[in-house]
Amino acid sequence: MLFEPPIMKKSIKELRKNQGLTAKELAARLRIEPQGILSIDNLRLKDIPQPLRSKLLPILRGDYTDKIPWL
């Protein structure tokens, strides 16, 4: 990919904090163990393997908040 979106260059921890999520909350949404999130916390999003990245991306972008009816 020649031009990456800026979100791909940020760490998981930074993106998680921007959405106001703890590691435990993010792990619950992904249905994985919190230790799995803590182990990838310092990696950039583009360094995460594709199956996990495709699950993380909508949550860390905030796509799920667009579907809340009262906003």
PDB file of N, CA and C in Angstrom:
ATOM      1  N   MET A   1       0.836  -1.162   0.000  1.00  0.00           N
ATOM      2  CA  MET A   1       0.000   0.000   0.000  1.00  0.00           C
ATOM      3  C   MET A   1       0.887   1.233   0.000  1.00  0.00           C
ATOM      4  N   LEU A   2       0.757   2.045  -0.996  1.00  0.00           N
ATOM      5  CA  LEU A   2       1.619   3.202  -1.122  1.00  0.00           C
ATOM      6  C   LEU A   2       1.266   4.281  -0.098  1.00  0.00           C
ATOM      7  N   PHE A   3       0.003   4.592  -0.008  1.00  0.00           N
ATOM      8  CA  PHE A   3      -0.435   5.597   0.957  1.00  0.00           C
ATOM      9  C   PHE A   3      -1.338   4.930   1.982  1.00  0.00           C
ATOM     10  N   GLU A   4      -0.891   4.907   3.210  1.00  0.00           N
ATOM     11  CA  GLU A   4      -1.661   4.294   4.276  1.00  0.00           C
ATOM     12  C   GLU A   4      -2.485   5.360   4.989  1.00  0.00           C
ATOM     13  N   PRO A   5      -3.660   4.991   5.460  1.00  0.00           N
ATOM     14  CA  PRO A   5      -4.415   5.930   6.290  1.00  0.00           C
ATOM     15  C   PRO A   5      -3.662   6.189   7.585  1.00  0.00           C
ATOM     16  N   PRO A   6      -3.811   7.354   8.168  1.00  0.00           N
ATOM     17  CA  PRO A   6      -3.064   7.679   9.396  1.00  0.00           C
ATOM     18  C   PRO A   6      -3.369   6.742  10.556  1.00  0.00           C
ATOM     19  N   ILE A   7      -4.521   6.119  10.556  1.00  0.00           N
ATOM     20  CA  ILE A   7      -4.873   5.209  11.650  1.00  0.00           C
ATOM     21  C   ILE A   7      -3.958   3.992  11.673  1.00  0.00           C
ATOM     22  N   MET A   8      -3.419   3.597  10.544  1.00  0.00           N
ATOM     23  CA  MET A   8      -2.574   2.407  10.474  1.00  0.00           C
ATOM     24  C   MET A   8      -1.216   2.620  11.139  1.00  0.00           C
ATOM     25  N   LYS A   9      -0.804   3.870  11.320  1.00  0.00           N
ATOM     26  CA  LYS A   9       0.501   4.170  11.904  1.00  0.00           C
ATOM     27  C   LYS A   9       0.460   4.312  13.419  1.00  0.00           C
ATOM     28  N   LYS A  10      -0.732   4.298  14.010  1.00  0.00           N
ATOM     29  CA  LYS A  10      -0.864   4.484  15.452  1.00  0.00           C
ATOM     30  C   LYS A  10      -0.861   3.141  16.175  1.00  0.00           C
ATOM     31  N   SER A  11      -0.473   3.177  17.431  1.00  0.00           N
ATOM     32  CA  SER A  11      -0.436   1.947  18.225  1.00  0.00           C
ATOM     33  C   SER A  11      -1.846   1.576  18.673  1.00  0.00           C
ATOM     34  N   ILE A  12      -2.019   0.308  19.000  1.00  0.00           N
ATOM     35  CA  ILE A  12      -3.310  -0.183  19.457  1.00  0.00           C
ATOM     36  C   ILE A  12      -3.716   0.525  20.746  1.00  0.00           C
ATOM     37  N   LYS A  13      -2.753   0.741  21.624  1.00  0.00           N
ATOM     38  CA  LYS A  13      -3.042   1.398  22.894  1.00  0.00           C
ATOM     39  C   LYS A  13      -3.554   2.820  22.673  1.00  0.00           C
ATOM     40  N   GLU A  14      -2.932   3.551  21.776  1.00  0.00           N
ATOM     41  CA  GLU A  14      -3.348   4.918  21.495  1.00  0.00           C
ATOM     42  C   GLU A  14      -4.750   4.953  20.894  1.00  0.00           C
ATOM     43  N   LEU A  15      -5.029   4.066  19.953  1.00  0.00           N
ATOM     44  CA  LEU A  15      -6.348   4.013  19.330  1.00  0.00           C
ATOM     45  C   LEU A  15      -7.413   3.576  20.329  1.00  0.00           C
ATOM     46  N   ARG A  16      -7.052   2.643  21.192  1.00  0.00           N
ATOM     47  CA  ARG A  16      -7.974   2.156  22.219  1.00  0.00           C
ATOM     48  C   ARG A  16      -8.318   3.264  23.200  1.00  0.00           C
ATOM     49  N   LYS A  17      -7.331   4.032  23.623  1.00  0.00           N
ATOM     50  CA  LYS A  17      -7.552   5.138  24.553  1.00  0.00           C
ATOM     51  C   LYS A  17      -8.378   6.248  23.899  1.00  0.00           C
ATOM     52  N   ASN A  18      -8.196   6.483  22.597  1.00  0.00           N
ATOM     53  CA  ASN A  18      -8.982   7.499  21.898  1.00  0.00           C
ATOM     54  C   ASN A  18     -10.462   7.150  21.877  1.00  0.00           C
ATOM     55  N   GLN A  19     -10.769   5.866  21.838  1.00  0.00           N
ATOM     56  CA  GLN A  19     -12.165   5.419  21.858  1.00  0.00           C
ATOM     57  C   GLN A  19     -12.696   5.279  23.287  1.00  0.00           C
ATOM     58  N   GLY A  20     -11.832   5.452  24.285  1.00  0.00           N
ATOM     59  CA  GLY A  20     -12.246   5.350  25.678  1.00  0.00           C
ATOM     60  C   GLY A  20     -12.461   3.923  26.132  1.00  0.00           C
ATOM     61  N   LEU A  21     -11.718   2.996  25.576  1.00  0.00           N
ATOM     62  CA  LEU A  21     -11.866   1.580  25.906  1.00  0.00           C
ATOM     63  C   LEU A  21     -10.687   1.095  26.734  1.00  0.00           C
ATOM     64  N   THR A  22     -10.966   0.249  27.704  1.00  0.00           N
ATOM     65  CA  THR A  22      -9.892  -0.426  28.416  1.00  0.00           C
ATOM     66  C   THR A  22      -9.556  -1.704  27.649  1.00  0.00           C
ATOM     67  N   ALA A  23      -8.469  -2.336  28.034  1.00  0.00           N
ATOM     68  CA  ALA A  23      -8.085  -3.584  27.372  1.00  0.00           C
ATOM     69  C   ALA A  23      -9.136  -4.667  27.611  1.00  0.00           C
ATOM     70  N   LYS A  24      -9.729  -4.666  28.789  1.00  0.00           N
ATOM     71  CA  LYS A  24     -10.747  -5.659  29.119  1.00  0.00           C
ATOM     72  C   LYS A  24     -12.012  -5.446  28.276  1.00  0.00           C
ATOM     73  N   GLU A  25     -12.418  -4.189  28.086  1.00  0.00           N
ATOM     74  CA  GLU A  25     -13.607  -3.888  27.281  1.00  0.00           C
ATOM     75  C   GLU A  25     -13.387  -4.245  25.818  1.00  0.00           C
ATOM     76  N   LEU A  26     -12.208  -3.925  25.292  1.00  0.00           N
ATOM     77  CA  LEU A  26     -11.897  -4.257  23.913  1.00  0.00           C
ATOM     78  C   LEU A  26     -11.844  -5.771  23.718  1.00  0.00           C
ATOM     79  N   ALA A  27     -11.285  -6.471  24.670  1.00  0.00           N
ATOM     80  CA  ALA A  27     -11.222  -7.927  24.585  1.00  0.00           C
ATOM     81  C   ALA A  27     -12.619  -8.538  24.632  1.00  0.00           C
ATOM     82  N   ALA A  28     -13.505  -7.953  25.414  1.00  0.00           N
ATOM     83  CA  ALA A  28     -14.878  -8.458  25.489  1.00  0.00           C
ATOM     84  C   ALA A  28     -15.600  -8.260  24.158  1.00  0.00           C
ATOM     85  N   ARG A  29     -15.362  -7.153  23.495  1.00  0.00           N
ATOM     86  CA  ARG A  29     -15.997  -6.917  22.193  1.00  0.00           C
ATOM     87  C   ARG A  29     -15.465  -7.859  21.123  1.00  0.00           C
ATOM     88  N   LEU A  30     -14.191  -8.225  21.236  1.00  0.00           N
ATOM     89  CA  LEU A  30     -13.585  -9.135  20.264  1.00  0.00           C
ATOM     90  C   LEU A  30     -13.738 -10.598  20.660  1.00  0.00           C
ATOM     91  N   ARG A  31     -14.220 -10.836  21.872  1.00  0.00           N
ATOM     92  CA  ARG A  31     -14.378 -12.188  22.424  1.00  0.00           C
ATOM     93  C   ARG A  31     -13.052 -12.940  22.488  1.00  0.00           C
ATOM     94  N   ILE A  32     -12.029 -12.249  23.002  1.00  0.00           N
ATOM     95  CA  ILE A  32     -10.729 -12.874  23.250  1.00  0.00           C
ATOM     96  C   ILE A  32     -10.305 -12.540  24.678  1.00  0.00           C
ATOM     97  N   GLU A  33      -9.210 -13.100  25.119  1.00  0.00           N
ATOM     98  CA  GLU A  33      -8.692 -12.857  26.463  1.00  0.00           C
ATOM     99  C   GLU A  33      -8.048 -11.466  26.543  1.00  0.00           C
ATOM    100  N   PRO A  34      -8.153 -10.782  27.693  1.00  0.00           N
ATOM    101  CA  PRO A  34      -7.507  -9.469  27.847  1.00  0.00           C
ATOM    102  C   PRO A  34      -5.986  -9.520  27.686  1.00  0.00           C
ATOM    103  N   GLN A  35      -5.362 -10.654  28.000  1.00  0.00           N
ATOM    104  CA  GLN A  35      -3.918 -10.779  27.835  1.00  0.00           C
ATOM    105  C   GLN A  35      -3.537 -10.690  26.366  1.00  0.00           C
ATOM    106  N   GLY A  36      -4.431 -11.107  25.486  1.00  0.00           N
ATOM    107  CA  GLY A  36      -4.171 -10.986  24.049  1.00  0.00           C
ATOM    108  C   GLY A  36      -4.089  -9.538  23.616  1.00  0.00           C
ATOM    109  N   ILE A  37      -4.950  -8.700  24.173  1.00  0.00           N
ATOM    110  CA  ILE A  37      -4.916  -7.270  23.861  1.00  0.00           C
ATOM    111  C   ILE A  37      -3.668  -6.633  24.454  1.00  0.00           C
ATOM    112  N   LEU A  38      -3.345  -6.990  25.679  1.00  0.00           N
ATOM    113  CA  LEU A  38      -2.163  -6.405  26.317  1.00  0.00           C
ATOM    114  C   LEU A  38      -0.877  -6.802  25.601  1.00  0.00           C
ATOM    115  N   SER A  39      -0.860  -7.966  24.973  1.00  0.00           N
ATOM    116  CA  SER A  39       0.352  -8.394  24.276  1.00  0.00           C
ATOM    117  C   SER A  39       0.551  -7.633  22.960  1.00  0.00           C
ATOM    118  N   ILE A  40      -0.516  -7.128  22.356  1.00  0.00           N
ATOM    119  CA  ILE A  40      -0.382  -6.379  21.097  1.00  0.00           C
ATOM    120  C   ILE A  40      -0.533  -4.877  21.304  1.00  0.00           C
ATOM    121  N   ASP A  41      -0.647  -4.429  22.552  1.00  0.00           N
ATOM    122  CA  ASP A  41      -0.909  -3.025  22.852  1.00  0.00           C
ATOM    123  C   ASP A  41       0.132  -2.076  22.270  1.00  0.00           C
ATOM    124  N   ASN A  42       1.382  -2.441  22.257  1.00  0.00           N
ATOM    125  CA  ASN A  42       2.433  -1.536  21.791  1.00  0.00           C
ATOM    126  C   ASN A  42       2.721  -1.654  20.302  1.00  0.00           C
ATOM    127  N   LEU A  43       2.053  -2.561  19.609  1.00  0.00           N
ATOM    128  CA  LEU A  43       2.252  -2.714  18.168  1.00  0.00           C
ATOM    129  C   LEU A  43       1.400  -1.710  17.399  1.00  0.00           C
ATOM    130  N   ARG A  44       1.881  -1.343  16.212  1.00  0.00           N
ATOM    131  CA  ARG A  44       1.080  -0.495  15.342  1.00  0.00           C
ATOM    132  C   ARG A  44       0.023  -1.352  14.659  1.00  0.00           C
ATOM    133  N   LEU A  45      -1.045  -0.729  14.239  1.00  0.00           N
ATOM    134  CA  LEU A  45      -2.154  -1.462  13.634  1.00  0.00           C
ATOM    135  C   LEU A  45      -1.725  -2.191  12.375  1.00  0.00           C
ATOM    136  N   LYS A  46      -0.804  -1.603  11.612  1.00  0.00           N
ATOM    137  CA  LYS A  46      -0.379  -2.270  10.378  1.00  0.00           C
ATOM    138  C   LYS A  46       0.500  -3.494  10.640  1.00  0.00           C
ATOM    139  N   ASP A  47       1.026  -3.645  11.862  1.00  0.00           N
ATOM    140  CA  ASP A  47       1.853  -4.796  12.204  1.00  0.00           C
ATOM    141  C   ASP A  47       1.044  -5.978  12.733  1.00  0.00           C
ATOM    142  N   ILE A  48      -0.247  -5.788  12.926  1.00  0.00           N
ATOM    143  CA  ILE A  48      -1.125  -6.844  13.435  1.00  0.00           C
ATOM    144  C   ILE A  48      -1.493  -7.769  12.277  1.00  0.00           C
ATOM    145  N   PRO A  49      -1.540  -9.090  12.483  1.00  0.00           N
ATOM    146  CA  PRO A  49      -1.952 -10.016  11.420  1.00  0.00           C
ATOM    147  C   PRO A  49      -3.368  -9.713  10.922  1.00  0.00           C
ATOM    148  N   GLN A  50      -3.614  -9.994   9.659  1.00  0.00           N
ATOM    149  CA  GLN A  50      -4.847  -9.600   8.991  1.00  0.00           C
ATOM    150  C   GLN A  50      -6.136 -10.093   9.661  1.00  0.00           C
ATOM    151  N   PRO A  51      -6.287 -11.338  10.083  1.00  0.00           N
ATOM    152  CA  PRO A  51      -7.588 -11.724  10.666  1.00  0.00           C
ATOM    153  C   PRO A  51      -7.966 -10.893  11.896  1.00  0.00           C
ATOM    154  N   LEU A  52      -6.994 -10.615  12.760  1.00  0.00           N
ATOM    155  CA  LEU A  52      -7.266  -9.814  13.950  1.00  0.00           C
ATOM    156  C   LEU A  52      -7.444  -8.349  13.588  1.00  0.00           C
ATOM    157  N   ARG A  53      -6.682  -7.866  12.622  1.00  0.00           N
ATOM    158  CA  ARG A  53      -6.787  -6.465  12.202  1.00  0.00           C
ATOM    159  C   ARG A  53      -8.174  -6.152  11.650  1.00  0.00           C
ATOM    160  N   SER A  54      -8.753  -7.093  10.901  1.00  0.00           N
ATOM    161  CA  SER A  54     -10.076  -6.851  10.331  1.00  0.00           C
ATOM    162  C   SER A  54     -11.149  -6.788  11.414  1.00  0.00           C
ATOM    163  N   LYS A  55     -10.919  -7.449  12.555  1.00  0.00           N
ATOM    164  CA  LYS A  55     -11.859  -7.346  13.673  1.00  0.00           C
ATOM    165  C   LYS A  55     -11.641  -6.060  14.469  1.00  0.00           C
ATOM    166  N   LEU A  56     -10.379  -5.651  14.599  1.00  0.00           N
ATOM    167  CA  LEU A  56     -10.037  -4.468  15.395  1.00  0.00           C
ATOM    168  C   LEU A  56     -10.402  -3.160  14.713  1.00  0.00           C
ATOM    169  N   LEU A  57     -10.234  -3.092  13.421  1.00  0.00           N
ATOM    170  CA  LEU A  57     -10.361  -1.833  12.696  1.00  0.00           C
ATOM    171  C   LEU A  57     -11.710  -1.144  12.885  1.00  0.00           C
ATOM    172  N   PRO A  58     -12.856  -1.800  12.734  1.00  0.00           N
ATOM    173  CA  PRO A  58     -14.122  -1.085  12.931  1.00  0.00           C
ATOM    174  C   PRO A  58     -14.325  -0.586  14.358  1.00  0.00           C
ATOM    175  N   ILE A  59     -13.820  -1.334  15.332  1.00  0.00           N
ATOM    176  CA  ILE A  59     -13.981  -0.919  16.724  1.00  0.00           C
ATOM    177  C   ILE A  59     -13.096   0.285  17.019  1.00  0.00           C
ATOM    178  N   LEU A  60     -11.861   0.257  16.560  1.00  0.00           N
ATOM    179  CA  LEU A  60     -10.926   1.345  16.852  1.00  0.00           C
ATOM    180  C   LEU A  60     -11.200   2.590  16.019  1.00  0.00           C
ATOM    181  N   ARG A  61     -11.888   2.430  14.882  1.00  0.00           N
ATOM    182  CA  ARG A  61     -12.302   3.594  14.088  1.00  0.00           C
ATOM    183  C   ARG A  61     -13.542   4.252  14.666  1.00  0.00           C
ATOM    184  N   GLY A  62     -14.330   3.496  15.431  1.00  0.00           N
ATOM    185  CA  GLY A  62     -15.549   4.037  16.010  1.00  0.00           C
ATOM    186  C   GLY A  62     -16.769   3.801  15.157  1.00  0.00           C
ATOM    187  N   ASP A  63     -16.728   2.821  14.268  1.00  0.00           N
ATOM    188  CA  ASP A  63     -17.870   2.552  13.397  1.00  0.00           C
ATOM    189  C   ASP A  63     -19.098   2.109  14.181  1.00  0.00           C
ATOM    190  N   TYR A  64     -18.888   1.435  15.304  1.00  0.00           N
ATOM    191  CA  TYR A  64     -20.024   0.932  16.073  1.00  0.00           C
ATOM    192  C   TYR A  64     -20.811   2.070  16.719  1.00  0.00           C
ATOM    193  N   THR A  65     -20.198   3.219  16.948  1.00  0.00           N
ATOM    194  CA  THR A  65     -20.924   4.338  17.561  1.00  0.00           C
ATOM    195  C   THR A  65     -21.850   5.026  16.582  1.00  0.00           C
ATOM    196  N   ASP A  66     -21.675   4.796  15.288  1.00  0.00           N
ATOM    197  CA  ASP A  66     -22.565   5.397  14.299  1.00  0.00           C
ATOM    198  C   ASP A  66     -23.946   4.760  14.327  1.00  0.00           C
ATOM    199  N   LYS A  67     -24.066   3.580  14.895  1.00  0.00           N
ATOM    200  CA  LYS A  67     -25.327   2.848  14.891  1.00  0.00           C
ATOM    201  C   LYS A  67     -26.139   3.063  16.168  1.00  0.00           C
ATOM    202  N   ILE A  68     -25.688   3.923  17.059  1.00  0.00           N
ATOM    203  CA  ILE A  68     -26.433   4.192  18.281  1.00  0.00           C
ATOM    204  C   ILE A  68     -27.532   5.200  17.947  1.00  0.00           C
ATOM    205  N   PRO A  69     -28.797   4.876  18.210  1.00  0.00           N
ATOM    206  CA  PRO A  69     -29.891   5.717  17.740  1.00  0.00           C
ATOM    207  C   PRO A  69     -30.000   7.086  18.417  1.00  0.00           C
ATOM    208  N   TRP A  70     -29.482   7.258  19.612  1.00  0.00           N
ATOM    209  CA  TRP A  70     -29.663   8.537  20.297  1.00  0.00           C
ATOM    210  C   TRP A  70     -28.569   9.548  20.013  1.00  0.00           C
ATOM    211  N   LEU A  71     -27.607   9.220  19.189  1.00  0.00           N
ATOM    212  CA  LEU A  71     -26.558  10.184  18.837  1.00  0.00           C
ATOM    213  C   LEU A  71     -26.875  10.902  17.555  1.00  0.00           C
TER     214      LEU A  71
END
